[in-house]
Amino acid sequence: MKIMVVVAILLNLFVFQSVNLGQLPSTNIGMESKKTDMKDFTARVTVPKKLKTGKAFAVKADLQVNTEQTMTMMSRENIFVFLIKDRNGKQINSFGVHDVGKVRTLSGKETISEAYHYKIKEPGVYMISAVAEFKIDKDGSIKGYKIEADPQTVEVTE
């Protein structure tokens, strides 16, 4: 069992090597899309509705585990990558991704939360979302997941 966990961590580190800003690494092996088989997980992002320019705010992302099954989750240090886009769809934030692998045991329904702090410099309307990417080991079968939370809108005024 220990050897399997070490192999999974090493595989995880190779799969999640480097990320261009605004893009997530993609693997075609066992990756589930948002539309299929997501009943076990729900992603949600929470943002303030109105902000002032230059004022720091927090974006909170939650990954809800909707099953009672015990499973092993493998991910980067942070599960979520946060995306902030202007009204033209241009990403305005950069987000550093740490390639350190993390293994967690999930035993029943629980929520994993992460926060991201940012300042928007220009007034306007922005879309904020978060994408969770991780792998699950259920009974020796490893499956990759990539789940995007529904984007939320924030209005930034001077």
C-alpha atoms as a PDB file:
ATOM      1  CA  MET A   1       0.000   0.000   0.000  1.00  0.00           C
ATOM      2  CA  LYS A   2       2.837   2.430   0.865  1.00  0.00           C
ATOM      3  CA  ILE A   3       4.514   1.757  -2.472  1.00  0.00           C
ATOM      4  CA  MET A   4       1.251   2.525  -4.291  1.00  0.00           C
ATOM      5  CA  VAL A   5       0.922   5.868  -2.463  1.00  0.00           C
ATOM      6  CA  VAL A   6       4.540   6.791  -3.306  1.00  0.00           C
ATOM      7  CA  VAL A   7       3.980   5.870  -6.971  1.00  0.00           C
ATOM      8  CA  ALA A   8       0.767   7.917  -7.016  1.00  0.00           C
ATOM      9  CA  ILE A   9       2.555  10.938  -5.509  1.00  0.00           C
ATOM     10  CA  LEU A  10       5.383  10.699  -8.031  1.00  0.00           C
ATOM     11  CA  LEU A  11       2.895  10.335 -10.871  1.00  0.00           C
ATOM     12  CA  ASN A  12       1.025  13.328  -9.508  1.00  0.00           C
ATOM     13  CA  LEU A  13       4.196  15.439  -9.448  1.00  0.00           C
ATOM     14  CA  PHE A  14       5.016  14.570 -13.055  1.00  0.00           C
ATOM     15  CA  VAL A  15       1.468  15.260 -14.264  1.00  0.00           C
ATOM     16  CA  PHE A  16       1.238  18.624 -12.486  1.00  0.00           C
ATOM     17  CA  GLN A  17       4.696  19.910 -13.483  1.00  0.00           C
ATOM     18  CA  SER A  18       4.334  23.480 -14.708  1.00  0.00           C
ATOM     19  CA  VAL A  19       1.364  25.647 -15.477  1.00  0.00           C
ATOM     20  CA  ASN A  20       1.133  28.639 -17.806  1.00  0.00           C
ATOM     21  CA  LEU A  21      -0.760  31.474 -16.206  1.00  0.00           C
ATOM     22  CA  GLY A  22      -4.449  31.122 -16.922  1.00  0.00           C
ATOM     23  CA  GLN A  23      -4.145  27.518 -18.021  1.00  0.00           C
ATOM     24  CA  LEU A  24      -4.295  24.257 -16.170  1.00  0.00           C
ATOM     25  CA  PRO A  25      -2.314  21.227 -17.156  1.00  0.00           C
ATOM     26  CA  SER A  26      -4.424  18.687 -18.913  1.00  0.00           C
ATOM     27  CA  THR A  27      -4.090  14.975 -18.938  1.00  0.00           C
ATOM     28  CA  ASN A  28      -6.205  12.721 -21.064  1.00  0.00           C
ATOM     29  CA  ILE A  29      -5.896   9.721 -18.763  1.00  0.00           C
ATOM     30  CA  GLY A  30      -9.100   9.269 -16.791  1.00  0.00           C
ATOM     31  CA  MET A  31      -9.942  12.990 -16.658  1.00  0.00           C
ATOM     32  CA  GLU A  32     -13.617  13.673 -15.961  1.00  0.00           C
ATOM     33  CA  SER A  33     -15.271  16.782 -17.350  1.00  0.00           C
ATOM     34  CA  LYS A  34     -17.637  19.054 -15.442  1.00  0.00           C
ATOM     35  CA  LYS A  35     -20.660  17.439 -17.091  1.00  0.00           C
ATOM     36  CA  THR A  36     -19.983  13.785 -16.294  1.00  0.00           C
ATOM     37  CA  ASP A  37     -19.945  11.825 -13.050  1.00  0.00           C
ATOM     38  CA  MET A  38     -19.584  14.851 -10.790  1.00  0.00           C
ATOM     39  CA  LYS A  39     -22.215  13.738  -8.310  1.00  0.00           C
ATOM     40  CA  ASP A  40     -19.484  12.897  -5.774  1.00  0.00           C
ATOM     41  CA  PHE A  41     -18.094  16.477  -5.763  1.00  0.00           C
ATOM     42  CA  THR A  42     -19.436  20.027  -5.959  1.00  0.00           C
ATOM     43  CA  ALA A  43     -17.287  23.140  -6.410  1.00  0.00           C
ATOM     44  CA  ARG A  44     -18.467  26.590  -5.341  1.00  0.00           C
ATOM     45  CA  VAL A  45     -16.828  30.025  -5.313  1.00  0.00           C
ATOM     46  CA  THR A  46     -17.920  32.932  -3.091  1.00  0.00           C
ATOM     47  CA  VAL A  47     -17.016  36.574  -3.788  1.00  0.00           C
ATOM     48  CA  PRO A  48     -18.241  39.982  -2.606  1.00  0.00           C
ATOM     49  CA  LYS A  49     -20.807  41.561  -4.956  1.00  0.00           C
ATOM     50  CA  LYS A  50     -19.276  45.076  -4.864  1.00  0.00           C
ATOM     51  CA  LEU A  51     -15.745  46.319  -4.253  1.00  0.00           C
ATOM     52  CA  LYS A  52     -13.702  49.501  -4.335  1.00  0.00           C
ATOM     53  CA  THR A  53     -10.677  49.728  -6.650  1.00  0.00           C
ATOM     54  CA  GLY A  54      -7.392  48.886  -4.969  1.00  0.00           C
ATOM     55  CA  LYS A  55      -9.041  47.325  -1.918  1.00  0.00           C
ATOM     56  CA  ALA A  56      -7.952  43.776  -1.079  1.00  0.00           C
ATOM     57  CA  PHE A  57     -10.694  41.161  -1.012  1.00  0.00           C
ATOM     58  CA  ALA A  58     -10.927  37.420  -0.514  1.00  0.00           C
ATOM     59  CA  VAL A  59     -12.323  34.827  -2.884  1.00  0.00           C
ATOM     60  CA  LYS A  60     -13.359  31.608  -1.153  1.00  0.00           C
ATOM     61  CA  ALA A  61     -13.634  28.291  -2.977  1.00  0.00           C
ATOM     62  CA  ASP A  62     -15.200  25.146  -1.517  1.00  0.00           C
ATOM     63  CA  LEU A  63     -15.007  21.584  -2.744  1.00  0.00           C
ATOM     64  CA  GLN A  64     -17.877  19.624  -1.222  1.00  0.00           C
ATOM     65  CA  VAL A  65     -17.453  15.846  -1.025  1.00  0.00           C
ATOM     66  CA  ASN A  66     -20.963  14.394  -1.456  1.00  0.00           C
ATOM     67  CA  THR A  67     -20.266  10.749  -0.706  1.00  0.00           C
ATOM     68  CA  GLU A  68     -19.797   8.663   2.417  1.00  0.00           C
ATOM     69  CA  GLN A  69     -17.150   6.475   0.757  1.00  0.00           C
ATOM     70  CA  THR A  70     -13.580   6.547   2.065  1.00  0.00           C
ATOM     71  CA  MET A  71     -11.134   7.569  -0.664  1.00  0.00           C
ATOM     72  CA  THR A  72      -7.667   9.019  -1.143  1.00  0.00           C
ATOM     73  CA  MET A  73      -7.296  12.434  -2.818  1.00  0.00           C
ATOM     74  CA  MET A  74      -4.074  13.447  -4.557  1.00  0.00           C
ATOM     75  CA  SER A  75      -3.538  17.042  -5.622  1.00  0.00           C
ATOM     76  CA  ARG A  76      -1.126  19.925  -5.719  1.00  0.00           C
ATOM     77  CA  GLU A  77      -0.614  21.805  -2.466  1.00  0.00           C
ATOM     78  CA  ASN A  78      -3.756  23.813  -3.330  1.00  0.00           C
ATOM     79  CA  ILE A  79      -6.659  22.116  -5.048  1.00  0.00           C
ATOM     80  CA  PHE A  80      -8.005  25.311  -6.637  1.00  0.00           C
ATOM     81  CA  VAL A  81      -6.656  27.710  -9.245  1.00  0.00           C
ATOM     82  CA  PHE A  82      -8.451  31.080  -9.134  1.00  0.00           C
ATOM     83  CA  LEU A  83      -9.318  32.999 -12.320  1.00  0.00           C
ATOM     84  CA  ILE A  84     -10.335  36.681 -12.494  1.00  0.00           C
ATOM     85  CA  LYS A  85     -11.423  37.935 -15.919  1.00  0.00           C
ATOM     86  CA  ASP A  86     -12.546  41.336 -17.167  1.00  0.00           C
ATOM     87  CA  ARG A  87     -15.688  41.880 -19.260  1.00  0.00           C
ATOM     88  CA  ASN A  88     -13.766  40.943 -22.426  1.00  0.00           C
ATOM     89  CA  GLY A  89     -12.768  37.570 -20.973  1.00  0.00           C
ATOM     90  CA  LYS A  90      -9.119  38.583 -20.484  1.00  0.00           C
ATOM     91  CA  GLN A  91      -7.579  37.103 -17.343  1.00  0.00           C
ATOM     92  CA  ILE A  92      -6.194  39.883 -15.135  1.00  0.00           C
ATOM     93  CA  ASN A  93      -4.629  37.904 -12.310  1.00  0.00           C
ATOM     94  CA  SER A  94      -1.619  35.654 -12.185  1.00  0.00           C
ATOM     95  CA  PHE A  95      -1.701  32.676  -9.902  1.00  0.00           C
ATOM     96  CA  GLY A  96       1.355  30.762  -8.768  1.00  0.00           C
ATOM     97  CA  VAL A  97       0.959  27.003  -8.576  1.00  0.00           C
ATOM     98  CA  HIS A  98       3.138  24.984  -6.208  1.00  0.00           C
ATOM     99  CA  ASP A  99       4.079  21.593  -7.596  1.00  0.00           C
ATOM    100  CA  VAL A 100       4.244  20.027  -4.148  1.00  0.00           C
ATOM    101  CA  GLY A 101       1.971  17.000  -4.041  1.00  0.00           C
ATOM    102  CA  LYS A 102      -0.524  16.456  -1.241  1.00  0.00           C
ATOM    103  CA  VAL A 103      -2.374  13.289  -0.283  1.00  0.00           C
ATOM    104  CA  ARG A 104      -5.522  13.404   1.863  1.00  0.00           C
ATOM    105  CA  THR A 105      -7.813  10.705   3.120  1.00  0.00           C
ATOM    106  CA  LEU A 106     -11.464  11.615   2.728  1.00  0.00           C
ATOM    107  CA  SER A 107     -13.815   9.660   4.942  1.00  0.00           C
ATOM    108  CA  GLY A 108     -17.355  10.727   4.362  1.00  0.00           C
ATOM    109  CA  LYS A 109     -18.962  14.010   3.522  1.00  0.00           C
ATOM    110  CA  GLU A 110     -16.683  16.981   4.084  1.00  0.00           C
ATOM    111  CA  THR A 111     -15.754  20.351   2.622  1.00  0.00           C
ATOM    112  CA  ILE A 112     -12.287  21.486   1.599  1.00  0.00           C
ATOM    113  CA  SER A 113     -11.994  25.288   1.540  1.00  0.00           C
ATOM    114  CA  GLU A 114      -9.315  27.579   0.130  1.00  0.00           C
ATOM    115  CA  ALA A 115      -9.051  31.362  -0.094  1.00  0.00           C
ATOM    116  CA  TYR A 116      -7.338  33.699  -2.534  1.00  0.00           C
ATOM    117  CA  HIS A 117      -6.653  37.399  -1.846  1.00  0.00           C
ATOM    118  CA  TYR A 118      -6.440  39.973  -4.618  1.00  0.00           C
ATOM    119  CA  LYS A 119      -6.800  43.699  -5.438  1.00  0.00           C
ATOM    120  CA  ILE A 120      -8.487  44.903  -8.630  1.00  0.00           C
ATOM    121  CA  LYS A 121      -7.008  48.202  -9.823  1.00  0.00           C
ATOM    122  CA  GLU A 122      -9.529  49.275 -12.480  1.00  0.00           C
ATOM    123  CA  PRO A 123     -13.285  49.817 -12.118  1.00  0.00           C
ATOM    124  CA  GLY A 124     -15.570  47.486 -14.057  1.00  0.00           C
ATOM    125  CA  VAL A 125     -17.417  44.199 -13.909  1.00  0.00           C
ATOM    126  CA  TYR A 126     -15.327  41.067 -13.427  1.00  0.00           C
ATOM    127  CA  MET A 127     -16.012  37.313 -13.501  1.00  0.00           C
ATOM    128  CA  ILE A 128     -14.326  35.226 -10.827  1.00  0.00           C
ATOM    129  CA  SER A 129     -14.144  31.451 -10.855  1.00  0.00           C
ATOM    130  CA  ALA A 130     -12.094  28.643  -9.385  1.00  0.00           C
ATOM    131  CA  VAL A 131     -11.068  25.324 -10.908  1.00  0.00           C
ATOM    132  CA  ALA A 132     -10.369  22.273  -8.752  1.00  0.00           C
ATOM    133  CA  GLU A 133      -8.076  19.620 -10.185  1.00  0.00           C
ATOM    134  CA  PHE A 134      -7.263  16.420  -8.323  1.00  0.00           C
ATOM    135  CA  LYS A 135      -7.131  12.645  -8.540  1.00  0.00           C
ATOM    136  CA  ILE A 136      -9.113  10.161  -6.461  1.00  0.00           C
ATOM    137  CA  ASP A 137      -8.045   6.638  -5.561  1.00  0.00           C
ATOM    138  CA  LYS A 138     -11.121   4.501  -4.858  1.00  0.00           C
ATOM    139  CA  ASP A 139     -10.316   0.883  -4.152  1.00  0.00           C
ATOM    140  CA  GLY A 140      -7.098   0.983  -6.207  1.00  0.00           C
ATOM    141  CA  SER A 141      -8.618   2.722  -9.237  1.00  0.00           C
ATOM    142  CA  ILE A 142      -7.295   6.266  -9.843  1.00  0.00           C
ATOM    143  CA  LYS A 143      -9.498   8.769 -11.669  1.00  0.00           C
ATOM    144  CA  GLY A 144      -8.713  12.421 -12.425  1.00  0.00           C
ATOM    145  CA  TYR A 145     -11.209  15.247 -11.878  1.00  0.00           C
ATOM    146  CA  LYS A 146     -11.294  18.840 -13.095  1.00  0.00           C
ATOM    147  CA  ILE A 147     -14.270  20.795 -11.775  1.00  0.00           C
ATOM    148  CA  GLU A 148     -14.928  24.499 -12.392  1.00  0.00           C
ATOM    149  CA  ALA A 149     -17.149  26.363  -9.978  1.00  0.00           C
ATOM    150  CA  ASP A 150     -19.868  28.504 -11.565  1.00  0.00           C
ATOM    151  CA  PRO A 151     -18.325  31.955 -12.148  1.00  0.00           C
ATOM    152  CA  GLN A 152     -19.476  34.823  -9.929  1.00  0.00           C
ATOM    153  CA  THR A 153     -19.698  38.489 -10.905  1.00  0.00           C
ATOM    154  CA  VAL A 154     -18.189  41.357  -8.906  1.00  0.00           C
ATOM    155  CA  GLU A 155     -18.657  45.062  -9.598  1.00  0.00           C
ATOM    156  CA  VAL A 156     -15.617  47.243  -8.871  1.00  0.00           C
ATOM    157  CA  THR A 157     -16.143  50.981  -8.415  1.00  0.00           C
ATOM    158  CA  GLU A 158     -13.824  53.881  -7.611  1.00  0.00           C
END
